[in-house]
Amino acid sequence: MTTIIEHTNVRTDSPLKRFVSLLTMFLVGCGLSACGPNPKASGPPESTQERTQAQSREQSQPDIAKQQKDAEQRARPEIEERRQQAQQEAEKTLVKEAIAAITETQAAVKAIADNKPRDAMAAIERANGKITTLLARYPAAALIPVSAEVNVVDLAPLNLDDVRAITDVVDGAVRQRDYPTARLLLHGLTSEIRVRTINLPLGRYPDALREAARLLDQQKNEEASSVLLTALNTLTVVERADPLPLVLAQKAIAQAQQLRDTNKDMALTLLANSRLQLERAKELGYAGKDPEYVALNKSISDLERQLKGKGETQQAFSNLKERFEAFFKRQSESIRRSKQG
């Protein structure tokens, strides 16, 4: 971990130095607690009473992760609201026939392990029936969603100078081919709602089912199980990231619109915050070279000038929100990563 500090090249009292030091201590502590040897493993065996007492102490410990999540939900309800919205939207895309096909495939694998080839063949036939329905319903689809998970990953500094300082260190680490340091620091520049969808590959999955049925018919049970397990383990994972700074900027603009007539000072403060979040999204690398950043920044500045005057700003707010929504959608859809899971 000392290599991280050696590559920082910043003042001892700088925010970046403190950030890297805390990150280092966290990783070291994580390594010691999660990866190090268990002292109890080399000691004498525990008695039943000792184990019961230890379990009781563990159960009485507070769930720190849950408490932290609850605190974040209360502190930033707009992010939790967007996360829930993303979760609901992702779940609406799930297809029950595809989920059933996966379930039947798993049942076939279990039946083979239990030495019940007839039950396995029946499960494969049911899975094939679901796949046939999917092929008829979605003839042009390559991927069918079967599972979705939405998480908030917010590790990036709030201060723009800190963000820029870290990116400078990353650039230096890449030039020196110190990729482990670069990867670690880049992870600390993440601020997004991450939507992870597992998909059934409609083009390949039917072939796996047919091959497994053929092998079962030839009493090659282990080979059939291997084919089914390979199919289950090669589902396609697609990840989409919604940049949190853009979520916060959108919310600030909407709030400013509501206050434009009753509290202009607060509305102006909210617009300034939206501009800051827009710049933060750019500095964090969410398509940072997109020219729309400059155009949106200008639109916010123009709206601030209008708001300081006595003219009507309703249309200007509507135009900005519409333009921002289109930009957010394009950013979200462009940040996709696909892999075999």
Protein backbone atom coordinates (compact mmCIF):
# COMPACT_ATOMS: atom_id res chain seq x y z
CA MET A 1 0.00 0.00 0.00
CA THR A 2 2.95 2.35 0.45
CA THR A 3 3.26 2.64 -3.32
CA ILE A 4 0.05 4.64 -3.34
CA ILE A 5 1.52 7.23 -1.05
CA GLU A 6 4.80 7.34 -2.96
CA HIS A 7 2.92 8.19 -6.14
CA THR A 8 0.77 10.97 -4.68
CA ASN A 9 3.31 13.81 -4.95
CA VAL A 10 1.14 16.19 -2.93
CA ARG A 11 1.53 18.20 0.26
CA THR A 12 1.35 16.31 3.54
CA ASP A 13 -1.70 18.29 4.66
CA SER A 14 -3.58 18.20 1.35
CA PRO A 15 -7.11 16.68 1.12
CA LEU A 16 -5.84 14.19 -1.46
CA LYS A 17 -3.10 12.99 0.90
CA ARG A 18 -5.68 12.42 3.61
CA PHE A 19 -7.97 10.66 1.13
CA VAL A 20 -5.24 8.30 -0.05
CA SER A 21 -4.07 7.64 3.51
CA LEU A 22 -7.59 6.74 4.61
CA LEU A 23 -8.02 4.55 1.55
CA THR A 24 -4.74 2.82 2.31
CA MET A 25 -5.67 2.18 5.94
CA PHE A 26 -9.05 0.84 4.86
CA LEU A 27 -7.53 -1.61 2.41
CA VAL A 28 -4.84 -2.72 4.82
CA GLY A 29 -7.42 -3.23 7.55
CA CYS A 30 -9.66 -5.11 5.15
CA GLY A 31 -6.76 -7.34 4.17
CA LEU A 32 -5.86 -8.08 7.78
CA SER A 33 -9.40 -8.89 8.80
CA ALA A 34 -10.60 -10.71 5.69
CA CYS A 35 -7.48 -12.31 4.27
CA GLY A 36 -5.25 -12.91 7.26
CA PRO A 37 -5.12 -16.12 9.30
CA ASN A 38 -7.83 -16.75 11.84
CA PRO A 39 -6.24 -16.86 15.32
CA LYS A 40 -8.95 -19.23 16.52
CA ALA A 41 -8.09 -21.72 13.79
CA SER A 42 -4.70 -22.52 15.36
CA GLY A 43 -5.90 -22.51 18.97
CA PRO A 44 -7.67 -25.17 20.99
CA PRO A 45 -11.19 -26.15 19.89
CA GLU A 46 -13.98 -24.06 21.31
CA SER A 47 -16.51 -25.53 23.66
CA THR A 48 -20.21 -25.44 22.81
CA GLN A 49 -20.72 -22.75 25.45
CA GLU A 50 -17.92 -20.62 23.99
CA ARG A 51 -19.37 -20.92 20.50
CA THR A 52 -22.82 -19.98 21.77
CA GLN A 53 -21.42 -16.93 23.57
CA ALA A 54 -19.46 -15.88 20.48
CA GLN A 55 -22.58 -16.21 18.29
CA SER A 56 -24.56 -14.18 20.80
CA ARG A 57 -21.94 -11.40 20.75
CA GLU A 58 -21.92 -11.38 16.93
CA GLN A 59 -25.70 -11.13 16.78
CA SER A 60 -25.66 -8.23 19.24
CA GLN A 61 -23.22 -6.25 17.11
CA PRO A 62 -24.87 -3.46 15.11
CA ASP A 63 -25.21 -3.92 11.36
CA ILE A 64 -22.88 -1.09 10.38
CA ALA A 65 -23.49 -1.45 6.65
CA LYS A 66 -27.26 -1.29 7.09
CA GLN A 67 -27.00 1.68 9.42
CA GLN A 68 -24.81 3.50 6.93
CA LYS A 69 -27.24 2.77 4.09
CA ASP A 70 -30.19 3.98 6.18
CA ALA A 71 -28.29 7.16 7.08
CA GLU A 72 -27.50 7.84 3.42
CA GLN A 73 -31.13 7.34 2.47
CA ARG A 74 -32.22 9.90 5.03
CA ALA A 75 -29.45 12.36 4.16
CA ARG A 76 -29.88 12.15 0.40
CA PRO A 77 -33.45 11.11 -0.35
CA GLU A 78 -33.19 12.26 -3.98
CA ILE A 79 -30.53 9.59 -4.65
CA GLU A 80 -32.53 6.87 -2.94
CA GLU A 81 -35.58 7.95 -4.91
CA ARG A 82 -33.65 7.63 -8.18
CA ARG A 83 -32.21 4.26 -7.10
CA GLN A 84 -35.69 2.91 -6.38
CA GLN A 85 -36.90 4.26 -9.71
CA ALA A 86 -34.02 2.52 -11.50
CA GLN A 87 -34.79 -0.71 -9.62
CA GLN A 88 -38.44 -0.59 -10.63
CA GLU A 89 -37.59 0.15 -14.25
CA ALA A 90 -35.07 -2.70 -14.36
CA GLU A 91 -37.51 -5.16 -12.82
CA LYS A 92 -40.14 -4.26 -15.43
CA THR A 93 -37.80 -5.54 -18.15
CA LEU A 94 -37.50 -9.02 -16.62
CA VAL A 95 -39.24 -11.77 -18.62
CA LYS A 96 -40.90 -14.53 -16.59
CA GLU A 97 -40.52 -17.19 -19.32
CA ALA A 98 -36.76 -16.61 -19.39
CA ILE A 99 -36.60 -16.81 -15.60
CA ALA A 100 -38.57 -20.06 -15.76
CA ALA A 101 -36.15 -21.46 -18.36
CA ILE A 102 -33.23 -20.77 -16.01
CA THR A 103 -35.11 -22.35 -13.08
CA GLU A 104 -35.85 -25.48 -15.11
CA THR A 105 -32.23 -25.73 -16.21
CA GLN A 106 -31.14 -25.60 -12.58
CA ALA A 107 -33.71 -28.28 -11.78
CA ALA A 108 -32.26 -30.47 -14.54
CA VAL A 109 -28.75 -30.12 -13.11
CA LYS A 110 -30.04 -31.10 -9.64
CA ALA A 111 -31.93 -34.10 -11.05
CA ILE A 112 -28.79 -35.34 -12.79
CA ALA A 113 -26.83 -34.98 -9.55
CA ASP A 114 -29.57 -36.98 -7.78
CA ASN A 115 -29.30 -39.68 -10.48
CA LYS A 116 -32.79 -38.97 -11.81
CA PRO A 117 -32.22 -38.67 -15.59
CA ARG A 118 -35.95 -38.85 -16.40
CA ASP A 119 -36.67 -35.89 -14.17
CA ALA A 120 -33.73 -34.07 -15.74
CA MET A 121 -35.06 -34.72 -19.26
CA ALA A 122 -38.51 -33.49 -18.23
CA ALA A 123 -37.00 -30.28 -16.84
CA ILE A 124 -35.03 -29.73 -20.05
CA GLU A 125 -38.20 -30.22 -22.11
CA ARG A 126 -40.02 -27.64 -19.98
CA ALA A 127 -37.10 -25.23 -20.39
CA ASN A 128 -37.22 -25.79 -24.15
CA GLY A 129 -40.91 -24.95 -24.13
CA LYS A 130 -40.20 -21.63 -22.42
CA ILE A 131 -37.41 -20.90 -24.91
CA THR A 132 -39.74 -21.66 -27.84
CA THR A 133 -42.21 -19.11 -26.45
CA LEU A 134 -39.43 -16.53 -26.12
CA LEU A 135 -38.21 -17.09 -29.68
CA ALA A 136 -41.73 -16.56 -30.99
CA ARG A 137 -42.32 -13.46 -28.87
CA TYR A 138 -38.89 -11.84 -29.29
CA PRO A 139 -37.59 -13.05 -32.68
CA ALA A 140 -35.03 -10.24 -32.98
CA ALA A 141 -33.85 -10.16 -29.36
CA ALA A 142 -30.36 -11.39 -28.51
CA LEU A 143 -30.57 -10.96 -24.74
CA ILE A 144 -33.53 -11.52 -22.40
CA PRO A 145 -33.27 -10.03 -18.87
CA VAL A 146 -33.73 -12.53 -16.04
CA SER A 147 -32.33 -10.68 -13.02
CA ALA A 148 -31.53 -7.10 -12.02
CA GLU A 149 -29.62 -5.43 -9.20
CA VAL A 150 -29.28 -1.70 -8.52
CA ASN A 151 -26.63 -0.27 -6.19
CA VAL A 152 -25.30 3.17 -5.31
CA VAL A 153 -21.51 3.43 -5.58
CA ASP A 154 -20.46 6.87 -4.34
CA LEU A 155 -16.76 7.08 -3.48
CA ALA A 156 -15.65 10.25 -5.26
CA PRO A 157 -14.59 13.42 -3.38
CA LEU A 158 -17.05 16.29 -3.38
CA ASN A 159 -14.33 18.90 -3.88
CA LEU A 160 -13.36 19.48 -7.52
CA ASP A 161 -9.73 20.22 -6.62
CA ASP A 162 -9.48 16.84 -4.90
CA VAL A 163 -10.93 15.12 -7.96
CA ARG A 164 -8.45 16.86 -10.27
CA ALA A 165 -5.55 16.03 -7.96
CA ILE A 166 -6.46 12.33 -8.02
CA THR A 167 -6.79 12.29 -11.80
CA ASP A 168 -3.31 13.83 -12.04
CA VAL A 169 -1.95 11.01 -9.89
CA VAL A 170 -3.78 8.46 -12.04
CA ASP A 171 -2.26 9.94 -15.19
CA GLY A 172 1.20 9.70 -13.63
CA ALA A 173 0.62 6.10 -12.52
CA VAL A 174 -0.49 5.09 -16.03
CA ARG A 175 2.58 6.73 -17.57
CA GLN A 176 4.74 4.70 -15.16
CA ARG A 177 2.71 1.55 -15.99
CA ASP A 178 1.72 1.33 -12.34
CA TYR A 179 -1.72 -0.01 -13.20
CA PRO A 180 -2.62 -1.41 -9.74
CA THR A 181 -2.31 2.09 -8.25
CA ALA A 182 -4.23 3.60 -11.17
CA ARG A 183 -7.05 1.07 -10.81
CA LEU A 184 -7.33 1.68 -7.08
CA LEU A 185 -7.49 5.45 -7.43
CA LEU A 186 -9.90 5.29 -10.37
CA HIS A 187 -12.27 3.23 -8.25
CA GLY A 188 -12.24 6.15 -5.81
CA LEU A 189 -13.57 8.41 -8.57
CA THR A 190 -16.82 6.47 -8.89
CA SER A 191 -20.11 8.24 -8.22
CA GLU A 192 -23.02 6.47 -9.86
CA ILE A 193 -26.16 4.40 -9.58
CA ARG A 194 -25.11 1.08 -11.10
CA VAL A 195 -27.76 -1.07 -12.77
CA ARG A 196 -26.60 -4.66 -13.29
CA THR A 197 -28.77 -6.93 -15.44
CA ILE A 198 -28.21 -10.65 -16.04
CA ASN A 199 -29.51 -11.80 -19.41
CA LEU A 200 -30.27 -15.10 -21.08
CA PRO A 201 -28.52 -15.25 -24.50
CA LEU A 202 -31.42 -16.32 -26.69
CA GLY A 203 -29.18 -17.32 -29.58
CA ARG A 204 -27.00 -19.82 -27.70
CA TYR A 205 -29.16 -21.16 -24.88
CA PRO A 206 -31.47 -23.37 -27.01
CA ASP A 207 -28.45 -25.17 -28.51
CA ALA A 208 -27.17 -25.97 -25.01
CA LEU A 209 -30.52 -27.45 -24.01
CA ARG A 210 -30.69 -29.60 -27.14
CA GLU A 211 -27.12 -30.83 -26.64
CA ALA A 212 -27.80 -31.70 -23.00
CA ALA A 213 -30.94 -33.64 -24.00
CA ARG A 214 -28.94 -35.58 -26.62
CA LEU A 215 -26.26 -36.48 -24.08
CA LEU A 216 -28.85 -37.56 -21.52
CA ASP A 217 -30.50 -39.77 -24.10
CA GLN A 218 -27.10 -41.43 -24.59
CA GLN A 219 -26.80 -41.85 -20.80
CA LYS A 220 -23.87 -39.44 -20.69
CA ASN A 221 -25.16 -37.77 -17.57
CA GLU A 222 -21.98 -36.02 -16.46
CA GLU A 223 -21.44 -34.54 -19.93
CA ALA A 224 -25.05 -33.35 -20.01
CA SER A 225 -24.67 -31.72 -16.60
CA SER A 226 -21.47 -30.01 -17.76
CA VAL A 227 -23.25 -28.54 -20.80
CA LEU A 228 -26.09 -27.20 -18.65
CA LEU A 229 -23.71 -25.72 -16.08
CA THR A 230 -21.75 -24.02 -18.85
CA ALA A 231 -24.97 -22.50 -20.19
CA LEU A 232 -25.89 -21.23 -16.72
CA ASN A 233 -22.40 -19.80 -16.19
CA THR A 234 -22.30 -17.93 -19.50
CA LEU A 235 -25.30 -15.70 -18.98
CA THR A 236 -24.56 -12.20 -20.21
CA VAL A 237 -24.13 -9.42 -17.66
CA VAL A 238 -24.87 -5.87 -18.76
CA GLU A 239 -24.07 -2.90 -16.51
CA ARG A 240 -25.36 0.64 -16.91
CA ALA A 241 -24.25 3.56 -14.78
CA ASP A 242 -26.29 6.68 -14.03
CA PRO A 243 -23.83 9.42 -12.91
CA LEU A 244 -24.87 10.68 -9.47
CA PRO A 245 -23.68 14.26 -10.06
CA LEU A 246 -26.13 14.49 -12.96
CA VAL A 247 -28.90 13.09 -10.76
CA LEU A 248 -28.17 15.79 -8.18
CA ALA A 249 -27.94 18.51 -10.84
CA GLN A 250 -31.34 17.54 -12.25
CA LYS A 251 -32.89 17.61 -8.80
CA ALA A 252 -31.39 21.03 -8.06
CA ILE A 253 -32.81 22.46 -11.30
CA ALA A 254 -36.28 21.06 -10.52
CA GLN A 255 -36.17 22.57 -7.02
CA ALA A 256 -34.98 25.91 -8.38
CA GLN A 257 -37.94 25.98 -10.76
CA GLN A 258 -40.35 25.47 -7.86
CA LEU A 259 -38.77 28.34 -5.90
CA ARG A 260 -38.21 30.79 -8.76
CA ASP A 261 -41.13 33.01 -7.75
CA THR A 262 -41.12 32.61 -3.97
CA ASN A 263 -37.40 32.50 -3.11
CA LYS A 264 -35.12 33.73 -5.87
CA ASP A 265 -32.00 33.64 -3.71
CA MET A 266 -32.47 29.96 -2.93
CA ALA A 267 -33.32 29.24 -6.57
CA LEU A 268 -30.06 30.91 -7.63
CA THR A 269 -28.14 28.87 -5.04
CA LEU A 270 -29.68 25.69 -6.42
CA LEU A 271 -28.76 26.64 -9.98
CA ALA A 272 -25.20 27.30 -8.88
CA ASN A 273 -25.14 23.87 -7.27
CA SER A 274 -26.45 22.26 -10.45
CA ARG A 275 -23.60 23.90 -12.38
CA LEU A 276 -21.12 22.56 -9.80
CA GLN A 277 -22.51 19.03 -10.09
CA LEU A 278 -22.36 19.28 -13.86
CA GLU A 279 -18.68 20.20 -13.66
CA ARG A 280 -18.10 17.40 -11.17
CA ALA A 281 -19.62 14.83 -13.55
CA LYS A 282 -17.30 16.10 -16.27
CA GLU A 283 -14.21 15.91 -14.05
CA LEU A 284 -15.13 12.39 -12.91
CA GLY A 285 -14.93 11.28 -16.53
CA TYR A 286 -18.57 10.64 -17.35
CA ALA A 287 -18.07 11.37 -21.06
CA GLY A 288 -16.11 14.42 -19.97
CA LYS A 289 -15.34 15.55 -23.52
CA ASP A 290 -18.97 15.74 -24.57
CA PRO A 291 -19.58 19.29 -25.90
CA GLU A 292 -23.02 19.29 -24.30
CA TYR A 293 -21.36 20.05 -20.95
CA VAL A 294 -20.36 23.48 -22.24
CA ALA A 295 -23.80 24.12 -23.72
CA LEU A 296 -25.61 23.12 -20.53
CA ASN A 297 -23.31 25.23 -18.40
CA LYS A 298 -24.10 28.23 -20.61
CA SER A 299 -27.84 27.52 -20.40
CA ILE A 300 -27.67 27.50 -16.60
CA SER A 301 -25.70 30.75 -16.54
CA ASP A 302 -28.20 32.39 -18.91
CA LEU A 303 -31.06 31.21 -16.70
CA GLU A 304 -29.35 32.68 -13.63
CA ARG A 305 -29.19 36.07 -15.36
CA GLN A 306 -32.86 35.84 -16.32
CA LEU A 307 -33.81 34.88 -12.78
CA LYS A 308 -32.03 37.94 -11.41
CA GLY A 309 -34.18 40.10 -13.66
CA LYS A 310 -37.96 40.44 -13.77
CA GLY A 311 -38.71 38.41 -16.87
CA GLU A 312 -40.66 35.15 -17.11
CA THR A 313 -38.43 32.08 -16.62
CA GLN A 314 -40.93 29.23 -16.88
CA GLN A 315 -40.09 28.41 -20.50
CA ALA A 316 -36.36 28.73 -19.89
CA PHE A 317 -36.60 26.26 -17.01
CA SER A 318 -38.64 23.84 -19.14
CA ASN A 319 -36.14 24.02 -21.99
CA LEU A 320 -33.20 23.43 -19.63
CA LYS A 321 -34.87 20.46 -17.95
CA GLU A 322 -35.74 18.91 -21.32
CA ARG A 323 -32.21 19.38 -22.61
CA PHE A 324 -30.72 18.05 -19.37
CA GLU A 325 -32.97 14.97 -19.44
CA ALA A 326 -31.86 14.14 -22.98
CA PHE A 327 -28.22 14.58 -21.99
CA PHE A 328 -28.65 12.39 -18.90
CA LYS A 329 -30.32 9.64 -20.92
CA ARG A 330 -27.52 9.69 -23.48
CA GLN A 331 -24.87 9.58 -20.76
CA SER A 332 -26.60 6.72 -18.96
CA GLU A 333 -27.06 4.63 -22.08
CA SER A 334 -23.48 5.18 -23.23
CA ILE A 335 -21.95 3.82 -20.01
CA ARG A 336 -22.58 0.14 -20.57
CA ARG A 337 -20.33 -2.82 -19.96
CA SER A 338 -21.14 -6.30 -21.16
CA LYS A 339 -19.46 -9.52 -20.09
CA GLN A 340 -20.10 -13.20 -19.61
CA GLY A 341 -21.02 -14.00 -16.03
